[in-house]
Amino acid sequence: AMLLTRINCADWSDVCTKQNVTEFPIVKMYKKGENPVSYAGMLGTEDLLKFIQLNRISYPVNITSIQEAEEYLSGELYKDLISYSSVSVLGLFSPTMKTDRKKVND
């Protein structure tokens, strides 16, 4: 589930200042434990929907089972996102490749 909130900066100037809102309108997506991501495109367009859909999942996705890997390779894991992006990368790392895995995650 996703919560959408509209804030009027005239009424909530302290919130807008704290969140570094300097232009209007602005769309920001917040995820627990992550910095907010700002949308820079046109409002009310397919691009806004694409931004929301692609940012609702944290990246990189950690595939932890053979079933998830098979679903990823067949396109079933996130089939609802295929129309928004045709690019995906699968990295396979052995337990000894911690440095390489960290580089990808960063």
N, C-alpha and C. Protein backbone atom coordinates (compact mmCIF):
# COMPACT_ATOMS: atom_id res chain seq x y z
N ALA A 1 0.84 -1.19 0.00
CA ALA A 1 0.00 0.00 0.00
C ALA A 1 0.87 1.24 0.00
N MET A 2 0.33 2.28 -0.57
CA MET A 2 1.06 3.53 -0.66
C MET A 2 0.14 4.65 -0.18
N LEU A 3 0.68 5.56 0.61
CA LEU A 3 -0.07 6.69 1.12
C LEU A 3 0.33 7.93 0.33
N LEU A 4 -0.63 8.62 -0.24
CA LEU A 4 -0.38 9.87 -0.94
C LEU A 4 -0.89 11.01 -0.07
N THR A 5 -0.08 12.05 0.08
CA THR A 5 -0.44 13.18 0.92
C THR A 5 -0.19 14.48 0.18
N ARG A 6 -1.08 15.41 0.33
CA ARG A 6 -0.92 16.74 -0.25
C ARG A 6 -0.72 17.73 0.89
N ILE A 7 0.31 18.56 0.77
CA ILE A 7 0.60 19.54 1.82
C ILE A 7 0.60 20.93 1.21
N ASN A 8 -0.10 21.85 1.85
CA ASN A 8 -0.09 23.25 1.45
C ASN A 8 1.01 23.94 2.25
N CYS A 9 2.06 24.39 1.56
CA CYS A 9 3.21 24.99 2.25
C CYS A 9 2.86 26.31 2.92
N ALA A 10 1.78 26.96 2.52
CA ALA A 10 1.35 28.17 3.22
C ALA A 10 0.87 27.83 4.62
N ASP A 11 0.25 26.67 4.77
CA ASP A 11 -0.24 26.23 6.08
C ASP A 11 0.80 25.43 6.86
N TRP A 12 1.70 24.75 6.16
CA TRP A 12 2.67 23.85 6.78
C TRP A 12 4.10 24.26 6.41
N SER A 13 4.42 25.53 6.58
CA SER A 13 5.73 26.04 6.17
C SER A 13 6.88 25.34 6.89
N ASP A 14 6.67 24.95 8.14
CA ASP A 14 7.74 24.25 8.87
C ASP A 14 8.06 22.90 8.23
N VAL A 15 7.05 22.18 7.78
CA VAL A 15 7.26 20.89 7.12
C VAL A 15 7.98 21.10 5.79
N CYS A 16 7.54 22.07 5.02
CA CYS A 16 8.16 22.34 3.72
C CYS A 16 9.61 22.79 3.87
N THR A 17 9.89 23.60 4.87
CA THR A 17 11.27 24.03 5.13
C THR A 17 12.13 22.84 5.52
N LYS A 18 11.63 22.02 6.42
CA LYS A 18 12.39 20.84 6.87
C LYS A 18 12.66 19.88 5.71
N GLN A 19 11.74 19.78 4.77
CA GLN A 19 11.89 18.86 3.63
C GLN A 19 12.53 19.53 2.42
N ASN A 20 13.03 20.76 2.59
CA ASN A 20 13.74 21.49 1.54
C ASN A 20 12.88 21.67 0.28
N VAL A 21 11.62 21.99 0.49
CA VAL A 21 10.73 22.26 -0.63
C VAL A 21 10.91 23.73 -1.01
N THR A 22 11.44 23.96 -2.21
CA THR A 22 11.74 25.32 -2.66
C THR A 22 10.96 25.71 -3.91
N GLU A 23 10.25 24.78 -4.52
CA GLU A 23 9.46 25.07 -5.71
C GLU A 23 8.16 24.28 -5.64
N PHE A 24 7.15 24.79 -6.34
CA PHE A 24 5.83 24.19 -6.28
C PHE A 24 5.30 23.99 -7.69
N PRO A 25 4.52 23.01 -7.99
CA PRO A 25 4.32 21.83 -7.13
C PRO A 25 5.52 20.90 -7.21
N ILE A 26 5.62 20.03 -6.24
CA ILE A 26 6.70 19.04 -6.21
C ILE A 26 6.13 17.71 -5.73
N VAL A 27 6.66 16.65 -6.27
CA VAL A 27 6.28 15.30 -5.84
C VAL A 27 7.52 14.64 -5.28
N LYS A 28 7.42 14.17 -4.05
CA LYS A 28 8.53 13.46 -3.42
C LYS A 28 8.03 12.11 -2.95
N MET A 29 8.86 11.10 -3.13
CA MET A 29 8.52 9.76 -2.66
C MET A 29 9.43 9.43 -1.48
N TYR A 30 8.82 9.03 -0.38
CA TYR A 30 9.55 8.70 0.83
C TYR A 30 9.43 7.20 1.10
N LYS A 31 10.57 6.61 1.46
CA LYS A 31 10.59 5.22 1.89
C LYS A 31 11.33 5.17 3.21
N LYS A 32 10.85 4.34 4.10
CA LYS A 32 11.46 4.23 5.42
C LYS A 32 12.94 3.89 5.30
N GLY A 33 13.78 4.68 5.97
CA GLY A 33 15.21 4.42 6.00
C GLY A 33 15.97 4.91 4.79
N GLU A 34 15.30 5.60 3.86
CA GLU A 34 15.95 6.08 2.64
C GLU A 34 15.70 7.58 2.48
N ASN A 35 16.57 8.23 1.73
CA ASN A 35 16.36 9.64 1.40
C ASN A 35 15.20 9.76 0.41
N PRO A 36 14.44 10.86 0.49
CA PRO A 36 13.33 11.02 -0.46
C PRO A 36 13.84 11.19 -1.89
N VAL A 37 13.02 10.75 -2.83
CA VAL A 37 13.34 10.88 -4.26
C VAL A 37 12.34 11.87 -4.84
N SER A 38 12.84 12.88 -5.55
CA SER A 38 11.97 13.89 -6.16
C SER A 38 11.67 13.55 -7.61
N TYR A 39 10.45 13.84 -8.00
CA TYR A 39 10.02 13.66 -9.40
C TYR A 39 10.16 15.00 -10.11
N ALA A 40 10.79 15.00 -11.27
CA ALA A 40 11.06 16.25 -11.98
C ALA A 40 10.26 16.39 -13.27
N GLY A 41 9.37 15.47 -13.56
CA GLY A 41 8.63 15.52 -14.83
C GLY A 41 7.32 16.28 -14.72
N MET A 42 6.51 16.13 -15.76
CA MET A 42 5.21 16.78 -15.83
C MET A 42 4.22 16.07 -14.90
N LEU A 43 3.39 16.85 -14.24
CA LEU A 43 2.36 16.28 -13.38
C LEU A 43 1.18 15.82 -14.24
N GLY A 44 0.52 14.78 -13.76
CA GLY A 44 -0.67 14.29 -14.46
C GLY A 44 -0.37 13.56 -15.75
N THR A 45 0.82 12.99 -15.86
CA THR A 45 1.19 12.29 -17.08
C THR A 45 1.54 10.84 -16.78
N GLU A 46 1.73 10.08 -17.85
CA GLU A 46 2.17 8.69 -17.73
C GLU A 46 3.53 8.62 -17.05
N ASP A 47 4.36 9.67 -17.23
CA ASP A 47 5.69 9.68 -16.60
C ASP A 47 5.59 9.69 -15.08
N LEU A 48 4.61 10.39 -14.53
CA LEU A 48 4.43 10.40 -13.08
C LEU A 48 4.05 9.01 -12.58
N LEU A 49 3.16 8.34 -13.28
CA LEU A 49 2.79 6.98 -12.92
C LEU A 49 4.00 6.06 -13.00
N LYS A 50 4.79 6.21 -14.03
CA LYS A 50 6.02 5.41 -14.20
C LYS A 50 6.96 5.65 -13.02
N PHE A 51 7.14 6.91 -12.62
CA PHE A 51 7.99 7.26 -11.48
C PHE A 51 7.51 6.55 -10.21
N ILE A 52 6.22 6.61 -9.96
CA ILE A 52 5.65 5.98 -8.76
C ILE A 52 5.83 4.47 -8.82
N GLN A 53 5.50 3.86 -9.93
CA GLN A 53 5.59 2.40 -10.05
C GLN A 53 7.03 1.91 -9.89
N LEU A 54 7.98 2.57 -10.55
CA LEU A 54 9.36 2.10 -10.50
C LEU A 54 10.03 2.38 -9.16
N ASN A 55 9.55 3.38 -8.43
CA ASN A 55 10.17 3.72 -7.15
C ASN A 55 9.50 3.07 -5.95
N ARG A 56 8.44 2.34 -6.17
CA ARG A 56 7.78 1.69 -5.02
C ARG A 56 8.55 0.46 -4.55
N ILE A 57 9.47 -0.02 -5.36
CA ILE A 57 10.29 -1.18 -5.00
C ILE A 57 11.70 -0.71 -4.71
N SER A 58 12.27 -1.17 -3.62
CA SER A 58 13.64 -0.81 -3.29
C SER A 58 14.60 -1.58 -4.19
N TYR A 59 15.63 -0.89 -4.63
CA TYR A 59 16.64 -1.52 -5.48
C TYR A 59 17.97 -1.47 -4.78
N PRO A 60 18.85 -2.40 -4.99
CA PRO A 60 18.63 -3.60 -5.79
C PRO A 60 17.73 -4.59 -5.07
N VAL A 61 17.09 -5.44 -5.84
CA VAL A 61 16.24 -6.50 -5.30
C VAL A 61 17.13 -7.69 -4.99
N ASN A 62 17.04 -8.18 -3.78
CA ASN A 62 17.81 -9.36 -3.40
C ASN A 62 16.96 -10.60 -3.63
N ILE A 63 17.38 -11.41 -4.56
CA ILE A 63 16.69 -12.66 -4.87
C ILE A 63 17.29 -13.74 -3.99
N THR A 64 16.44 -14.36 -3.19
CA THR A 64 16.95 -15.27 -2.16
C THR A 64 16.57 -16.73 -2.35
N SER A 65 15.88 -17.03 -3.43
CA SER A 65 15.49 -18.43 -3.64
C SER A 65 15.55 -18.77 -5.13
N ILE A 66 15.60 -20.03 -5.41
CA ILE A 66 15.59 -20.49 -6.80
C ILE A 66 14.27 -20.10 -7.46
N GLN A 67 13.17 -20.19 -6.72
CA GLN A 67 11.86 -19.82 -7.28
C GLN A 67 11.84 -18.35 -7.68
N GLU A 68 12.37 -17.46 -6.82
CA GLU A 68 12.42 -16.03 -7.16
C GLU A 68 13.30 -15.80 -8.39
N ALA A 69 14.43 -16.51 -8.48
CA ALA A 69 15.31 -16.38 -9.64
C ALA A 69 14.59 -16.80 -10.92
N GLU A 70 13.87 -17.90 -10.85
CA GLU A 70 13.12 -18.37 -12.02
C GLU A 70 12.03 -17.38 -12.41
N GLU A 71 11.35 -16.80 -11.41
CA GLU A 71 10.32 -15.80 -11.69
C GLU A 71 10.94 -14.54 -12.30
N TYR A 72 12.11 -14.16 -11.83
CA TYR A 72 12.81 -13.00 -12.38
C TYR A 72 13.18 -13.25 -13.84
N LEU A 73 13.79 -14.40 -14.11
CA LEU A 73 14.25 -14.72 -15.46
C LEU A 73 13.09 -14.88 -16.45
N SER A 74 11.95 -15.34 -15.96
CA SER A 74 10.79 -15.52 -16.84
C SER A 74 9.97 -14.23 -17.00
N GLY A 75 10.31 -13.20 -16.21
CA GLY A 75 9.57 -11.94 -16.27
C GLY A 75 8.37 -11.89 -15.37
N GLU A 76 8.17 -12.90 -14.54
CA GLU A 76 6.99 -12.96 -13.67
C GLU A 76 7.18 -12.21 -12.36
N LEU A 77 8.42 -12.02 -11.90
CA LEU A 77 8.65 -11.45 -10.57
C LEU A 77 8.04 -10.05 -10.45
N TYR A 78 8.26 -9.20 -11.42
CA TYR A 78 7.68 -7.85 -11.41
C TYR A 78 7.01 -7.57 -12.75
N LYS A 79 6.13 -8.47 -13.16
CA LYS A 79 5.52 -8.35 -14.48
C LYS A 79 4.69 -7.08 -14.63
N ASP A 80 4.20 -6.52 -13.52
CA ASP A 80 3.43 -5.28 -13.61
C ASP A 80 4.30 -4.07 -13.94
N LEU A 81 5.63 -4.23 -13.86
CA LEU A 81 6.54 -3.12 -14.16
C LEU A 81 7.14 -3.18 -15.55
N ILE A 82 6.91 -4.26 -16.28
CA ILE A 82 7.54 -4.44 -17.59
C ILE A 82 7.18 -3.31 -18.55
N SER A 83 5.97 -2.81 -18.48
CA SER A 83 5.58 -1.73 -19.39
C SER A 83 6.26 -0.41 -19.06
N TYR A 84 6.87 -0.29 -17.87
CA TYR A 84 7.52 0.95 -17.47
C TYR A 84 9.02 0.94 -17.71
N SER A 85 9.62 -0.23 -17.78
CA SER A 85 11.06 -0.32 -18.01
C SER A 85 11.40 -1.68 -18.58
N SER A 86 12.17 -1.68 -19.66
CA SER A 86 12.56 -2.94 -20.27
C SER A 86 13.98 -3.34 -19.90
N VAL A 87 14.61 -2.55 -19.03
CA VAL A 87 16.00 -2.80 -18.65
C VAL A 87 16.05 -3.40 -17.26
N SER A 88 16.74 -4.50 -17.13
CA SER A 88 17.02 -5.06 -15.81
C SER A 88 18.35 -5.78 -15.88
N VAL A 89 19.00 -5.87 -14.74
CA VAL A 89 20.32 -6.49 -14.67
C VAL A 89 20.28 -7.52 -13.56
N LEU A 90 20.79 -8.69 -13.84
CA LEU A 90 20.87 -9.75 -12.83
C LEU A 90 22.33 -9.97 -12.50
N GLY A 91 22.68 -9.78 -11.25
CA GLY A 91 24.05 -10.03 -10.79
C GLY A 91 24.06 -11.27 -9.91
N LEU A 92 24.95 -12.18 -10.19
CA LEU A 92 25.09 -13.39 -9.38
C LEU A 92 26.41 -13.31 -8.64
N PHE A 93 26.35 -13.35 -7.32
CA PHE A 93 27.53 -13.20 -6.49
C PHE A 93 27.67 -14.37 -5.54
N SER A 94 28.87 -14.91 -5.47
CA SER A 94 29.14 -15.96 -4.49
C SER A 94 29.34 -15.29 -3.13
N PRO A 95 29.24 -16.04 -2.05
CA PRO A 95 29.43 -15.46 -0.72
C PRO A 95 30.79 -14.79 -0.53
N THR A 96 31.79 -15.19 -1.31
CA THR A 96 33.13 -14.60 -1.15
C THR A 96 33.28 -13.28 -1.90
N MET A 97 32.28 -12.88 -2.67
CA MET A 97 32.37 -11.67 -3.49
C MET A 97 31.72 -10.47 -2.79
N LYS A 98 32.01 -10.29 -1.52
CA LYS A 98 31.36 -9.23 -0.73
C LYS A 98 31.67 -7.83 -1.25
N THR A 99 32.91 -7.59 -1.65
CA THR A 99 33.29 -6.26 -2.15
C THR A 99 32.55 -5.93 -3.44
N ASP A 100 32.48 -6.89 -4.35
CA ASP A 100 31.77 -6.67 -5.61
C ASP A 100 30.28 -6.45 -5.38
N ARG A 101 29.70 -7.21 -4.49
CA ARG A 101 28.27 -7.07 -4.18
C ARG A 101 28.00 -5.70 -3.57
N LYS A 102 28.89 -5.24 -2.70
CA LYS A 102 28.73 -3.92 -2.08
C LYS A 102 28.78 -2.81 -3.13
N LYS A 103 29.67 -2.94 -4.11
CA LYS A 103 29.76 -1.93 -5.18
C LYS A 103 28.45 -1.83 -5.95
N VAL A 104 27.83 -2.95 -6.23
CA VAL A 104 26.55 -2.95 -6.95
C VAL A 104 25.46 -2.33 -6.09
N ASN A 105 25.45 -2.64 -4.81
CA ASN A 105 24.43 -2.10 -3.91
C ASN A 105 24.57 -0.60 -3.70
N ASP A 106 25.79 -0.11 -3.79
CA ASP A 106 26.01 1.33 -3.60
C ASP A 106 25.63 2.07 -4.85
